[in-house]
PDB file of N, CA and C in Angstrom:
ATOM      1  N   MET A   1      92.221  86.161 148.551  1.00  0.00           N
ATOM      2  CA  MET A   1      91.540  86.649 147.383  1.00  0.00           C
ATOM      3  C   MET A   1      92.579  86.950 146.301  1.00  0.00           C
ATOM      4  N   VAL A   2      92.235  86.626 145.061  1.00  0.00           N
ATOM      5  CA  VAL A   2      93.150  86.817 143.935  1.00  0.00           C
ATOM      6  C   VAL A   2      92.681  87.994 143.096  1.00  0.00           C
ATOM      7  N   TYR A   3      93.627  88.855 142.789  1.00  0.00           N
ATOM      8  CA  TYR A   3      93.321  90.005 141.929  1.00  0.00           C
ATOM      9  C   TYR A   3      93.702  89.654 140.498  1.00  0.00           C
ATOM     10  N   VAL A   4      92.757  89.728 139.592  1.00  0.00           N
ATOM     11  CA  VAL A   4      93.001  89.428 138.176  1.00  0.00           C
ATOM     12  C   VAL A   4      92.891  90.733 137.397  1.00  0.00           C
ATOM     13  N   ALA A   5      93.980  91.101 136.764  1.00  0.00           N
ATOM     14  CA  ALA A   5      93.985  92.330 135.968  1.00  0.00           C
ATOM     15  C   ALA A   5      93.514  92.022 134.553  1.00  0.00           C
ATOM     16  N   SER A   6      92.572  92.788 134.099  1.00  0.00           N
ATOM     17  CA  SER A   6      92.105  92.635 132.716  1.00  0.00           C
ATOM     18  C   SER A   6      92.441  93.904 131.949  1.00  0.00           C
ATOM     19  N   PRO A   7      92.786  93.753 130.694  1.00  0.00           N
ATOM     20  CA  PRO A   7      93.138  94.942 129.917  1.00  0.00           C
ATOM     21  C   PRO A   7      91.952  95.883 129.796  1.00  0.00           C
ATOM     22  N   GLY A   8      92.262  97.141 129.797  1.00  0.00           N
ATOM     23  CA  GLY A   8      91.205  98.139 129.687  1.00  0.00           C
ATOM     24  C   GLY A   8      90.667  98.251 128.273  1.00  0.00           C
ATOM     25  N   ARG A   9      89.654  99.020 128.151  1.00  0.00           N
ATOM     26  CA  ARG A   9      89.044  99.235 126.838  1.00  0.00           C
ATOM     27  C   ARG A   9      90.012  99.904 125.869  1.00  0.00           C
ATOM     28  N   SER A  10      90.908 100.735 126.373  1.00  0.00           N
ATOM     29  CA  SER A  10      91.823 101.461 125.497  1.00  0.00           C
ATOM     30  C   SER A  10      92.770 100.502 124.775  1.00  0.00           C
ATOM     31  N   VAL A  11      93.179  99.422 125.418  1.00  0.00           N
ATOM     32  CA  VAL A  11      94.063  98.448 124.783  1.00  0.00           C
ATOM     33  C   VAL A  11      93.316  97.715 123.681  1.00  0.00           C
ATOM     34  N   GLU A  12      92.065  97.326 123.942  1.00  0.00           N
ATOM     35  CA  GLU A  12      91.260  96.656 122.926  1.00  0.00           C
ATOM     36  C   GLU A  12      90.985  97.589 121.761  1.00  0.00           C
ATOM     37  N   THR A  13      90.677  98.843 122.052  1.00  0.00           N
ATOM     38  CA  THR A  13      90.404  99.825 121.005  1.00  0.00           C
ATOM     39  C   THR A  13      91.650 100.062 120.165  1.00  0.00           C
ATOM     40  N   LEU A  14      92.797 100.128 120.789  1.00  0.00           N
ATOM     41  CA  LEU A  14      94.044 100.326 120.057  1.00  0.00           C
ATOM     42  C   LEU A  14      94.297  99.161 119.108  1.00  0.00           C
ATOM     43  N   GLY A  15      94.034  97.953 119.556  1.00  0.00           N
ATOM     44  CA  GLY A  15      94.206  96.782 118.700  1.00  0.00           C
ATOM     45  C   GLY A  15      93.290  96.829 117.488  1.00  0.00           C
ATOM     46  N   VAL A  16      92.048  97.235 117.694  1.00  0.00           N
ATOM     47  CA  VAL A  16      91.092  97.336 116.589  1.00  0.00           C
ATOM     48  C   VAL A  16      91.527  98.420 115.610  1.00  0.00           C
ATOM     49  N   VAL A  17      91.970  99.542 116.139  1.00  0.00           N
ATOM     50  CA  VAL A  17      92.410 100.649 115.280  1.00  0.00           C
ATOM     51  C   VAL A  17      93.638 100.239 114.461  1.00  0.00           C
ATOM     52  N   LEU A  18      94.601  99.581 115.090  1.00  0.00           N
ATOM     53  CA  LEU A  18      95.798  99.158 114.360  1.00  0.00           C
ATOM     54  C   LEU A  18      95.469  98.108 113.309  1.00  0.00           C
ATOM     55  N   THR A  19      94.568  97.196 113.622  1.00  0.00           N
ATOM     56  CA  THR A  19      94.158  96.196 112.646  1.00  0.00           C
ATOM     57  C   THR A  19      93.447  96.847 111.467  1.00  0.00           C
ATOM     58  N   ALA A  20      92.539  97.762 111.745  1.00  0.00           N
ATOM     59  CA  ALA A  20      91.823  98.468 110.676  1.00  0.00           C
ATOM     60  C   ALA A  20      92.793  99.277 109.820  1.00  0.00           C
ATOM     61  N   PHE A  21      93.754  99.933 110.438  1.00  0.00           N
ATOM     62  CA  PHE A  21      94.748 100.703 109.693  1.00  0.00           C
ATOM     63  C   PHE A  21      95.573  99.794 108.786  1.00  0.00           C
ATOM     64  N   GLY A  22      95.975  98.638 109.293  1.00  0.00           N
ATOM     65  CA  GLY A  22      96.732  97.690 108.483  1.00  0.00           C
ATOM     66  C   GLY A  22      95.939  97.166 107.301  1.00  0.00           C
ATOM     67  N   VAL A  23      94.665  96.879 107.519  1.00  0.00           N
ATOM     68  CA  VAL A  23      93.809  96.389 106.425  1.00  0.00           C
ATOM     69  C   VAL A  23      93.631  97.471 105.363  1.00  0.00           C
ATOM     70  N   VAL A  24      93.401  98.705 105.792  1.00  0.00           N
ATOM     71  CA  VAL A  24      93.242  99.809 104.841  1.00  0.00           C
ATOM     72  C   VAL A  24      94.532 100.034 104.061  1.00  0.00           C
ATOM     73  N   LEU A  25      95.665 100.001 104.734  1.00  0.00           N
ATOM     74  CA  LEU A  25      96.948 100.204 104.071  1.00  0.00           C
ATOM     75  C   LEU A  25      97.226  99.103 103.054  1.00  0.00           C
ATOM     76  N   LEU A  26      96.972  97.866 103.420  1.00  0.00           N
ATOM     77  CA  LEU A  26      97.153  96.747 102.506  1.00  0.00           C
ATOM     78  C   LEU A  26      96.198  96.843 101.312  1.00  0.00           C
ATOM     79  N   SER A  27      94.969  97.262 101.564  1.00  0.00           N
ATOM     80  CA  SER A  27      93.992  97.417 100.485  1.00  0.00           C
ATOM     81  C   SER A  27      94.415  98.506  99.505  1.00  0.00           C
ATOM     82  N   LEU A  28      94.914  99.619 100.026  1.00  0.00           N
ATOM     83  CA  LEU A  28      95.378 100.691  99.144  1.00  0.00           C
ATOM     84  C   LEU A  28      96.593 100.261  98.327  1.00  0.00           C
ATOM     85  N   LEU A  29      97.485  99.492  98.936  1.00  0.00           N
ATOM     86  CA  LEU A  29      98.643  98.981  98.205  1.00  0.00           C
ATOM     87  C   LEU A  29      98.203  98.052  97.082  1.00  0.00           C
ATOM     88  N   MET A  30      97.265  97.171  97.370  1.00  0.00           N
ATOM     89  CA  MET A  30      96.769  96.252  96.334  1.00  0.00           C
ATOM     90  C   MET A  30      96.043  97.012  95.234  1.00  0.00           C
ATOM     91  N   LEU A  31      95.266  98.024  95.596  1.00  0.00           N
ATOM     92  CA  LEU A  31      94.590  98.836  94.588  1.00  0.00           C
ATOM     93  C   LEU A  31      95.603  99.535  93.690  1.00  0.00           C
ATOM     94  N   TYR A  32      96.677 100.052  94.280  1.00  0.00           N
ATOM     95  CA  TYR A  32      97.716 100.692  93.477  1.00  0.00           C
ATOM     96  C   TYR A  32      98.377  99.685  92.541  1.00  0.00           C
ATOM     97  N   LEU A  33      98.745  98.517  93.069  1.00  0.00           N
ATOM     98  CA  LEU A  33      99.430  97.529  92.237  1.00  0.00           C
ATOM     99  C   LEU A  33      98.555  97.049  91.087  1.00  0.00           C
ATOM    100  N   VAL A  34      97.277  96.815  91.358  1.00  0.00           N
ATOM    101  CA  VAL A  34      96.395  96.303  90.313  1.00  0.00           C
ATOM    102  C   VAL A  34      95.965  97.426  89.374  1.00  0.00           C
ATOM    103  N   GLY A  35      95.650  98.589  89.920  1.00  0.00           N
ATOM    104  CA  GLY A  35      95.047  99.628  89.101  1.00  0.00           C
ATOM    105  C   GLY A  35      95.993 100.583  88.422  1.00  0.00           C
ATOM    106  N   PHE A  36      97.126 100.900  89.048  1.00  0.00           N
ATOM    107  CA  PHE A  36      97.920 102.014  88.539  1.00  0.00           C
ATOM    108  C   PHE A  36      99.395 101.720  88.345  1.00  0.00           C
ATOM    109  N   ASP A  37      99.857 100.550  88.686  1.00  0.00           N
ATOM    110  CA  ASP A  37     101.296 100.266  88.687  1.00  0.00           C
ATOM    111  C   ASP A  37     101.882 100.247  87.277  1.00  0.00           C
ATOM    112  N   GLN A  38     101.265  99.551  86.360  1.00  0.00           N
ATOM    113  CA  GLN A  38     101.726  99.410  84.977  1.00  0.00           C
ATOM    114  C   GLN A  38     103.144  98.854  84.885  1.00  0.00           C
ATOM    115  N   GLY A  39     103.544  98.050  85.846  1.00  0.00           N
ATOM    116  CA  GLY A  39     104.842  97.398  85.804  1.00  0.00           C
ATOM    117  C   GLY A  39     105.980  98.153  86.452  1.00  0.00           C
ATOM    118  N   ALA A  40     105.715  99.304  87.073  1.00  0.00           N
ATOM    119  CA  ALA A  40     106.787 100.089  87.683  1.00  0.00           C
ATOM    120  C   ALA A  40     107.358  99.407  88.917  1.00  0.00           C
ATOM    121  N   ILE A  41     106.519  98.768  89.732  1.00  0.00           N
ATOM    122  CA  ILE A  41     106.992  98.094  90.940  1.00  0.00           C
ATOM    123  C   ILE A  41     107.095  96.596  90.718  1.00  0.00           C
ATOM    124  N   SER A  42     106.159  96.022  89.991  1.00  0.00           N
ATOM    125  CA  SER A  42     106.128  94.566  89.802  1.00  0.00           C
ATOM    126  C   SER A  42     107.157  94.161  88.753  1.00  0.00           C
ATOM    127  N   ARG A  43     108.362  93.898  89.192  1.00  0.00           N
ATOM    128  CA  ARG A  43     109.485  93.573  88.315  1.00  0.00           C
ATOM    129  C   ARG A  43     109.741  92.069  88.208  1.00  0.00           C
ATOM    130  N   SER A  44     108.730  91.254  88.410  1.00  0.00           N
ATOM    131  CA  SER A  44     108.953  89.809  88.403  1.00  0.00           C
ATOM    132  C   SER A  44     108.664  89.178  87.051  1.00  0.00           C
ATOM    133  N   GLY A  45     108.681  89.939  86.013  1.00  0.00           N
ATOM    134  CA  GLY A  45     108.446  89.380  84.688  1.00  0.00           C
ATOM    135  C   GLY A  45     107.033  89.630  84.213  1.00  0.00           C
ATOM    136  N   MET A  46     106.703  88.987  83.122  1.00  0.00           N
ATOM    137  CA  MET A  46     105.419  89.221  82.485  1.00  0.00           C
ATOM    138  C   MET A  46     104.265  88.525  83.190  1.00  0.00           C
ATOM    139  N   TYR A  47     104.536  87.505  84.008  1.00  0.00           N
ATOM    140  CA  TYR A  47     103.445  86.782  84.657  1.00  0.00           C
ATOM    141  C   TYR A  47     102.661  87.690  85.599  1.00  0.00           C
ATOM    142  N   LEU A  48     103.369  88.414  86.462  1.00  0.00           N
ATOM    143  CA  LEU A  48     102.691  89.299  87.397  1.00  0.00           C
ATOM    144  C   LEU A  48     102.047  90.459  86.654  1.00  0.00           C
ATOM    145  N   HIS A  49     102.702  90.946  85.606  1.00  0.00           N
ATOM    146  CA  HIS A  49     102.134  92.037  84.817  1.00  0.00           C
ATOM    147  C   HIS A  49     100.814  91.611  84.177  1.00  0.00           C
ATOM    148  N   GLU A  50     100.782  90.419  83.621  1.00  0.00           N
ATOM    149  CA  GLU A  50      99.556  89.927  82.990  1.00  0.00           C
ATOM    150  C   GLU A  50      98.468  89.676  84.018  1.00  0.00           C
ATOM    151  N   LEU A  51      98.831  89.199  85.212  1.00  0.00           N
ATOM    152  CA  LEU A  51      97.855  88.996  86.269  1.00  0.00           C
ATOM    153  C   LEU A  51      97.233  90.327  86.682  1.00  0.00           C
ATOM    154  N   MET A  52      98.063  91.346  86.846  1.00  0.00           N
ATOM    155  CA  MET A  52      97.553  92.663  87.210  1.00  0.00           C
ATOM    156  C   MET A  52      96.714  93.247  86.079  1.00  0.00           C
ATOM    157  N   HIS A  53      97.108  92.994  84.841  1.00  0.00           N
ATOM    158  CA  HIS A  53      96.356  93.487  83.690  1.00  0.00           C
ATOM    159  C   HIS A  53      94.963  92.867  83.674  1.00  0.00           C
ATOM    160  N   ASP A  54      94.882  91.573  83.936  1.00  0.00           N
ATOM    161  CA  ASP A  54      93.575  90.914  84.004  1.00  0.00           C
ATOM    162  C   ASP A  54      92.760  91.446  85.177  1.00  0.00           C
ATOM    163  N   GLY A  55      93.418  91.756  86.279  1.00  0.00           N
ATOM    164  CA  GLY A  55      92.729  92.350  87.426  1.00  0.00           C
ATOM    165  C   GLY A  55      92.142  93.704  87.099  1.00  0.00           C
ATOM    166  N   ARG A  56      92.859  94.494  86.300  1.00  0.00           N
ATOM    167  CA  ARG A  56      92.326  95.793  85.880  1.00  0.00           C
ATOM    168  C   ARG A  56      91.061  95.605  85.053  1.00  0.00           C
ATOM    169  N   HIS A  57      91.070  94.610  84.165  1.00  0.00           N
ATOM    170  CA  HIS A  57      89.868  94.357  83.378  1.00  0.00           C
ATOM    171  C   HIS A  57      88.713  93.905  84.266  1.00  0.00           C
ATOM    172  N   LEU A  58      88.974  93.050  85.245  1.00  0.00           N
ATOM    173  CA  LEU A  58      87.918  92.579  86.137  1.00  0.00           C
ATOM    174  C   LEU A  58      87.324  93.709  86.976  1.00  0.00           C
ATOM    175  N   LEU A  59      88.154  94.667  87.378  1.00  0.00           N
ATOM    176  CA  LEU A  59      87.667  95.780  88.192  1.00  0.00           C
ATOM    177  C   LEU A  59      87.068  96.910  87.369  1.00  0.00           C
ATOM    178  N   GLY A  60      87.210  96.836  86.052  1.00  0.00           N
ATOM    179  CA  GLY A  60      86.653  97.869  85.195  1.00  0.00           C
ATOM    180  C   GLY A  60      87.509  99.127  85.129  1.00  0.00           C
ATOM    181  N   LEU A  61      88.787  99.014  85.489  1.00  0.00           N
ATOM    182  CA  LEU A  61      89.685 100.169  85.408  1.00  0.00           C
ATOM    183  C   LEU A  61      90.258 100.284  84.007  1.00  0.00           C
ATOM    184  N   PRO A  62      90.450 101.484  83.511  1.00  0.00           N
ATOM    185  CA  PRO A  62      91.044 101.634  82.182  1.00  0.00           C
ATOM    186  C   PRO A  62      92.526 101.239  82.219  1.00  0.00           C
ATOM    187  N   CYS A  63      92.958 100.535  81.206  1.00  0.00           N
ATOM    188  CA  CYS A  63      94.349 100.098  81.204  1.00  0.00           C
ATOM    189  C   CYS A  63      95.030 100.307  79.843  1.00  0.00           C
ATOM    190  N   HIS A  64      94.317 100.759  78.859  1.00  0.00           N
ATOM    191  CA  HIS A  64      94.936 100.986  77.540  1.00  0.00           C
ATOM    192  C   HIS A  64      94.800 102.429  77.162  1.00  0.00           C
TER     193      HIS A  64
END
């Protein structure tokens, strides 16, 4: 007879929690960059600044 070990529920739950935490963290970072950065972190020139500026208009955030 062969014994097959399967991961417990706690391992699956931990994976879901870590994935959800990563998605939330990435979402908050993107919200900060688009909504509140104003060029403080995005130092790649005017292209990224203009992209974020257009994103602020699309999301309805005040930018002026």
